[in-house]
Protein backbone atom coordinates (compact mmCIF):
# COMPACT_ATOMS: atom_id res chain seq x y z
CA MET A 1 5.45 7.89 -2.68
CA ALA A 2 1.66 8.72 -1.37
CA ILE A 3 3.16 9.67 1.76
CA LEU A 4 5.75 12.04 0.41
CA THR A 5 3.17 13.27 -2.27
CA LEU A 6 0.73 14.18 1.04
CA VAL A 7 3.70 15.74 2.83
CA GLY A 8 4.89 17.46 -0.06
CA GLU A 9 1.61 19.47 -0.08
CA GLU A 10 1.90 20.63 3.62
CA PRO A 11 3.52 19.41 7.10
CA ARG A 12 1.29 16.67 8.42
CA HIS A 13 0.99 14.09 11.37
CA GLY A 14 0.64 10.45 10.60
CA TYR A 15 -3.18 10.46 11.39
CA GLN A 16 -3.43 13.21 8.69
CA ILE A 17 -1.77 11.06 6.26
CA ILE A 18 -3.83 7.64 7.00
CA GLN A 19 -7.10 9.95 6.81
CA GLU A 20 -6.11 11.97 3.53
CA LEU A 21 -5.28 8.58 1.55
CA SER A 22 -8.39 7.22 2.77
CA ASN A 23 -10.18 10.21 1.63
CA ARG A 24 -8.75 11.09 -1.73
CA SER A 25 -9.33 7.11 -2.76
CA ASN A 26 -13.11 6.77 -1.44
CA GLY A 27 -12.16 4.69 1.35
CA MET A 28 -10.42 1.82 -0.73
CA TRP A 29 -6.91 2.52 0.89
CA GLN A 30 -7.37 2.34 4.58
CA PRO A 31 -3.55 2.40 5.76
CA SER A 32 -3.53 1.11 9.51
CA PRO A 33 -0.64 3.27 11.82
CA GLY A 34 1.18 -0.08 12.09
CA SER A 35 2.10 0.49 8.28
CA ILE A 36 2.12 4.34 8.17
CA TYR A 37 4.35 4.97 11.35
CA PRO A 38 7.08 2.58 10.64
CA THR A 39 7.17 3.88 7.15
CA LEU A 40 7.45 7.69 7.74
CA GLN A 41 10.45 6.65 10.39
CA ALA A 42 11.91 4.91 7.32
CA LEU A 43 11.68 7.73 5.03
CA GLU A 44 12.68 10.03 7.89
CA ASP A 45 15.97 7.48 7.99
CA GLU A 46 16.75 7.93 4.52
CA GLY A 47 16.60 11.79 4.69
CA LEU A 48 13.67 12.42 2.61
CA LEU A 49 11.50 13.42 5.60
CA SER A 50 12.11 15.22 8.69
CA SER A 51 9.98 16.00 11.62
CA GLU A 52 9.50 18.03 14.64
CA ASN A 53 7.05 17.66 17.62
CA ILE A 54 4.47 20.49 17.36
CA GLU A 55 1.65 20.54 20.06
CA GLY A 56 2.46 17.00 21.30
CA LYS A 57 2.22 15.60 17.67
CA ARG A 58 5.11 14.39 15.25
CA VAL A 59 4.55 16.54 12.32
CA TYR A 60 6.94 15.26 8.96
CA SER A 61 7.82 17.87 6.65
CA LEU A 62 9.95 17.24 3.16
CA THR A 63 13.55 17.71 3.03
CA GLU A 64 15.30 18.86 0.07
CA ALA A 65 16.37 15.26 -0.81
CA GLY A 66 12.75 14.57 -0.32
CA ARG A 67 11.55 17.20 -2.95
CA GLY A 68 14.24 15.88 -5.29
CA TYR A 69 13.18 12.35 -4.85
CA LEU A 70 9.38 13.54 -5.57
CA SER A 71 10.69 15.78 -8.51
CA ALA A 72 12.78 12.85 -10.06
CA ASN A 73 9.89 10.13 -9.61
CA ALA A 74 6.86 12.28 -10.81
CA ARG A 75 4.04 10.29 -11.82
CA PRO A 76 1.14 11.85 -13.79
CA THR A 77 -1.81 10.39 -11.40
CA PRO A 78 -1.46 10.49 -7.72
CA PRO A 79 -1.26 7.04 -6.06
CA TRP A 80 -4.81 7.39 -4.52
CA GLU A 81 -6.24 8.16 -7.97
CA GLU A 82 -4.96 4.94 -9.21
CA ILE A 83 -6.49 2.78 -6.07
CA ALA A 84 -9.82 4.98 -6.34
CA GLY A 85 -10.32 4.68 -9.86
CA ASP A 86 -12.87 3.19 -12.37
CA PRO A 87 -14.27 0.01 -10.08
CA SER A 88 -14.44 -2.12 -13.44
CA SER A 89 -10.44 -1.43 -13.93
CA GLY A 90 -8.16 -4.49 -13.63
CA PHE A 91 -6.82 -3.11 -10.40
CA HIS A 92 -10.20 -3.52 -8.46
CA THR A 93 -10.83 -6.66 -10.40
CA LEU A 94 -7.59 -7.80 -9.12
CA ARG A 95 -8.14 -6.63 -5.46
CA ARG A 96 -11.94 -8.06 -5.20
CA GLU A 97 -10.22 -11.52 -6.25
CA ILE A 98 -7.76 -11.58 -4.03
CA PHE A 99 -10.13 -10.55 -0.80
CA GLN A 100 -12.24 -13.64 -2.48
CA LEU A 101 -8.95 -16.07 -2.30
CA GLY A 102 -8.14 -14.67 0.84
CA ALA A 103 -11.54 -15.71 2.33
CA ALA A 104 -11.88 -18.70 0.82
CA ALA A 105 -8.37 -19.44 2.48
CA MET A 106 -9.48 -18.69 5.61
CA GLN A 107 -12.55 -21.08 5.61
CA VAL A 108 -10.12 -23.86 4.45
CA ALA A 109 -7.57 -22.82 7.39
CA GLN A 110 -10.69 -22.91 10.08
CA ASN A 111 -13.09 -25.46 8.73
CA SER A 112 -10.79 -28.03 7.16
CA ASN A 113 -8.88 -31.30 8.15
CA GLU A 114 -5.12 -31.88 7.29
CA ASP A 115 -5.49 -33.11 3.79
CA GLN A 116 -7.55 -30.57 3.16
CA LEU A 117 -5.07 -27.84 4.53
CA ALA A 118 -1.87 -29.37 2.44
CA ARG A 119 -3.86 -29.31 -0.95
CA ALA A 120 -5.03 -25.77 -0.21
CA ALA A 121 -1.51 -24.66 0.66
CA LYS A 122 -0.23 -26.55 -2.39
CA ILE A 123 -2.89 -24.67 -4.97
CA LEU A 124 -2.08 -21.41 -3.15
CA ALA A 125 1.78 -21.73 -3.82
CA ASP A 126 0.98 -22.86 -7.59
CA ALA A 127 -0.88 -19.77 -8.36
CA ARG A 128 1.71 -17.71 -6.62
CA LYS A 129 4.21 -19.18 -8.75
CA SER A 130 2.24 -18.79 -11.78
CA ILE A 131 1.42 -15.02 -11.18
CA TYR A 132 5.40 -14.62 -10.74
CA ARG A 133 5.81 -16.83 -14.37
CA MET A 134 3.28 -14.69 -16.05
CA LEU A 135 5.63 -11.37 -14.61
CA ALA A 136 8.31 -12.83 -16.05
CA GLU A 137 7.21 -13.41 -19.36
CA ASP A 138 6.09 -9.91 -19.45
CA GLU A 139 9.82 -9.10 -19.00
CA GLY A 140 11.36 -10.99 -21.64
């Protein structure tokens, strides 16, 4: 949705999209070329974007279908504002915890024996399952 929103403002090439997402989210969202370019290709394959080479750069524009999709799925807040919002928000708290958990898991991966690796893998699997159970409770 963020890519379509940006391209809906004006045609852009991939690097411009990466820069805009980073700038508008105050650096909280820094997508890599490895995530942006395949997404652009997928959106083009779906008929939501078209592209043309301009001065050696592939520049993407919204198609009629892309404009219709944006209109039908309009959000009150742009995605980058949700990401860059209040640092004490639930999103930012969760994001910090995810990064801290990842750092702890990497420490285990680099400095542990087989028993500790197996125990850490079980803890992570249990946490993942608990999160999905929590989401399932909200749906019912």
